[in-house]
Structures are given as C-alpha cells and as structure tokens.
Amino acid sequence: MYYIKKIFRMLLSVFSIGTLSFLLLELIPGEPETTILGIEASAKDLENLREQLGLNLSFWNKILELALWSLSRRFGNFL
C-alpha cells in the first residue's frame, strides 16, 4: 500500500509540475525558438528547432511525453 501511495503522489507531482510548466510556456509572450535562433532565422530553421524541441506537439501530447519520460527515468531499471 505504501508504494501505491508513493507512485500516486509521484504521478500527481509530475502531472502538476508539468502542466504548470507547459501552461506558463504557452502563456509567456514570444516564442522560445525565436529567442534561441534570433529574429533573423529562416522559417525552415525555426520549424526544425520547433520539431527538435517538441514545441510543435499539442499541449496534452507534451504533458504525456513528459510523464512517460519521467516514468522511464524513475523506473527504467524495472522496464
């Protein structure tokens, strides 16, 4: 029972922090790829960076990817 509570708390923490992080990223004006590459970057370079960073994914896909990544880091030895 102890481990179930611990796993539930971990999942809740990951979901909460991830949701808050991505929500803030969506609300902050400007785009991260423009900040990284500069305003003179070509559209192709911007799109490539968005794809590399996963910024082209939907909000929920980003959260799911973060949760799966966190679980794999946490329980990678057991999988």
C-alpha atoms as a PDB file:
ATOM      1  CA  MET A   1       0.000   0.000   0.000  1.00  0.00           C
ATOM      2  CA  TYR A   2       2.889   2.334   0.792  1.00  0.00           C
ATOM      3  CA  TYR A   3       4.322   2.002  -2.714  1.00  0.00           C
ATOM      4  CA  ILE A   4       0.962   2.626  -4.349  1.00  0.00           C
ATOM      5  CA  LYS A   5       0.595   5.891  -2.427  1.00  0.00           C
ATOM      6  CA  LYS A   6       4.154   6.855  -3.306  1.00  0.00           C
ATOM      7  CA  ILE A   7       3.610   6.164  -7.022  1.00  0.00           C
ATOM      8  CA  PHE A   8       0.320   8.069  -6.965  1.00  0.00           C
ATOM      9  CA  ARG A   9       1.992  11.086  -5.333  1.00  0.00           C
ATOM     10  CA  MET A  10       4.815  10.958  -7.873  1.00  0.00           C
ATOM     11  CA  LEU A  11       2.367  10.870 -10.786  1.00  0.00           C
ATOM     12  CA  LEU A  12       0.364  13.710  -9.288  1.00  0.00           C
ATOM     13  CA  SER A  13       3.534  15.774  -8.800  1.00  0.00           C
ATOM     14  CA  VAL A  14       4.752  15.117 -12.341  1.00  0.00           C
ATOM     15  CA  PHE A  15       1.367  15.987 -13.783  1.00  0.00           C
ATOM     16  CA  SER A  16       1.036  19.155 -11.688  1.00  0.00           C
ATOM     17  CA  ILE A  17       4.529  20.475 -12.339  1.00  0.00           C
ATOM     18  CA  GLY A  18       4.392  19.523 -15.999  1.00  0.00           C
ATOM     19  CA  THR A  19       1.016  21.153 -16.501  1.00  0.00           C
ATOM     20  CA  LEU A  20       2.144  24.322 -14.756  1.00  0.00           C
ATOM     21  CA  SER A  21       5.398  24.447 -16.751  1.00  0.00           C
ATOM     22  CA  PHE A  22       3.718  23.961 -20.094  1.00  0.00           C
ATOM     23  CA  LEU A  23       0.915  26.341 -19.213  1.00  0.00           C
ATOM     24  CA  LEU A  24       3.440  29.051 -18.370  1.00  0.00           C
ATOM     25  CA  LEU A  25       5.318  28.330 -21.589  1.00  0.00           C
ATOM     26  CA  GLU A  26       2.096  28.764 -23.547  1.00  0.00           C
ATOM     27  CA  LEU A  27       1.166  31.996 -21.737  1.00  0.00           C
ATOM     28  CA  ILE A  28       4.533  33.747 -21.934  1.00  0.00           C
ATOM     29  CA  PRO A  29       4.654  36.089 -24.929  1.00  0.00           C
ATOM     30  CA  GLY A  30       7.165  35.316 -27.634  1.00  0.00           C
ATOM     31  CA  GLU A  31       8.444  32.035 -28.931  1.00  0.00           C
ATOM     32  CA  PRO A  32      11.396  30.114 -27.463  1.00  0.00           C
ATOM     33  CA  GLU A  33      12.766  29.147 -30.873  1.00  0.00           C
ATOM     34  CA  THR A  34      12.969  32.822 -31.898  1.00  0.00           C
ATOM     35  CA  THR A  35      14.856  33.572 -28.694  1.00  0.00           C
ATOM     36  CA  ILE A  36      17.289  30.712 -29.334  1.00  0.00           C
ATOM     37  CA  LEU A  37      17.925  31.316 -33.049  1.00  0.00           C
ATOM     38  CA  GLY A  38      17.320  35.056 -33.201  1.00  0.00           C
ATOM     39  CA  ILE A  39      14.850  37.114 -35.187  1.00  0.00           C
ATOM     40  CA  GLU A  40      16.782  36.754 -38.441  1.00  0.00           C
ATOM     41  CA  ALA A  41      16.478  32.956 -38.548  1.00  0.00           C
ATOM     42  CA  SER A  42      14.784  31.412 -41.556  1.00  0.00           C
ATOM     43  CA  ALA A  43      11.347  29.840 -41.304  1.00  0.00           C
ATOM     44  CA  LYS A  44      12.846  26.425 -42.094  1.00  0.00           C
ATOM     45  CA  ASP A  45      15.348  26.717 -39.212  1.00  0.00           C
ATOM     46  CA  LEU A  46      12.590  27.788 -36.829  1.00  0.00           C
ATOM     47  CA  GLU A  47      10.400  24.849 -37.858  1.00  0.00           C
ATOM     48  CA  ASN A  48      13.293  22.391 -37.480  1.00  0.00           C
ATOM     49  CA  LEU A  49      14.035  23.663 -33.974  1.00  0.00           C
ATOM     50  CA  ARG A  50      10.339  23.507 -33.022  1.00  0.00           C
ATOM     51  CA  GLU A  51      10.308  19.871 -34.110  1.00  0.00           C
ATOM     52  CA  GLN A  52      13.540  19.038 -32.256  1.00  0.00           C
ATOM     53  CA  LEU A  53      12.289  20.613 -29.031  1.00  0.00           C
ATOM     54  CA  GLY A  54       8.794  19.160 -29.385  1.00  0.00           C
ATOM     55  CA  LEU A  55       7.175  22.596 -29.484  1.00  0.00           C
ATOM     56  CA  ASN A  56       5.045  21.571 -32.452  1.00  0.00           C
ATOM     57  CA  LEU A  57       3.180  18.996 -30.332  1.00  0.00           C
ATOM     58  CA  SER A  58      -0.168  19.720 -28.726  1.00  0.00           C
ATOM     59  CA  PHE A  59      -0.360  20.701 -25.060  1.00  0.00           C
ATOM     60  CA  TRP A  60      -1.584  17.267 -23.952  1.00  0.00           C
ATOM     61  CA  ASN A  61       0.981  15.404 -26.051  1.00  0.00           C
ATOM     62  CA  LYS A  62       3.736  17.406 -24.363  1.00  0.00           C
ATOM     63  CA  ILE A  63       2.390  16.504 -20.930  1.00  0.00           C
ATOM     64  CA  LEU A  64       2.063  12.826 -21.846  1.00  0.00           C
ATOM     65  CA  GLU A  65       5.601  12.794 -23.234  1.00  0.00           C
ATOM     66  CA  LEU A  66       6.923  14.405 -20.040  1.00  0.00           C
ATOM     67  CA  ALA A  67       5.079  11.890 -17.866  1.00  0.00           C
ATOM     68  CA  LEU A  68       6.362   8.925 -19.871  1.00  0.00           C
ATOM     69  CA  TRP A  69       9.892  10.312 -19.831  1.00  0.00           C
ATOM     70  CA  SER A  70       9.714  10.829 -16.061  1.00  0.00           C
ATOM     71  CA  LEU A  71       8.420   7.320 -15.501  1.00  0.00           C
ATOM     72  CA  SER A  72      11.121   5.824 -17.683  1.00  0.00           C
ATOM     73  CA  ARG A  73      13.777   7.763 -15.754  1.00  0.00           C
ATOM     74  CA  ARG A  74      12.304   6.724 -12.426  1.00  0.00           C
ATOM     75  CA  PHE A  75      11.528   3.098 -13.216  1.00  0.00           C
ATOM     76  CA  GLY A  76      13.888   2.490 -16.139  1.00  0.00           C
ATOM     77  CA  ASN A  77      15.641  -0.348 -14.327  1.00  0.00           C
ATOM     78  CA  PHE A  78      12.388  -2.273 -13.967  1.00  0.00           C
ATOM     79  CA  LEU A  79      11.159  -1.879 -17.553  1.00  0.00           C
END
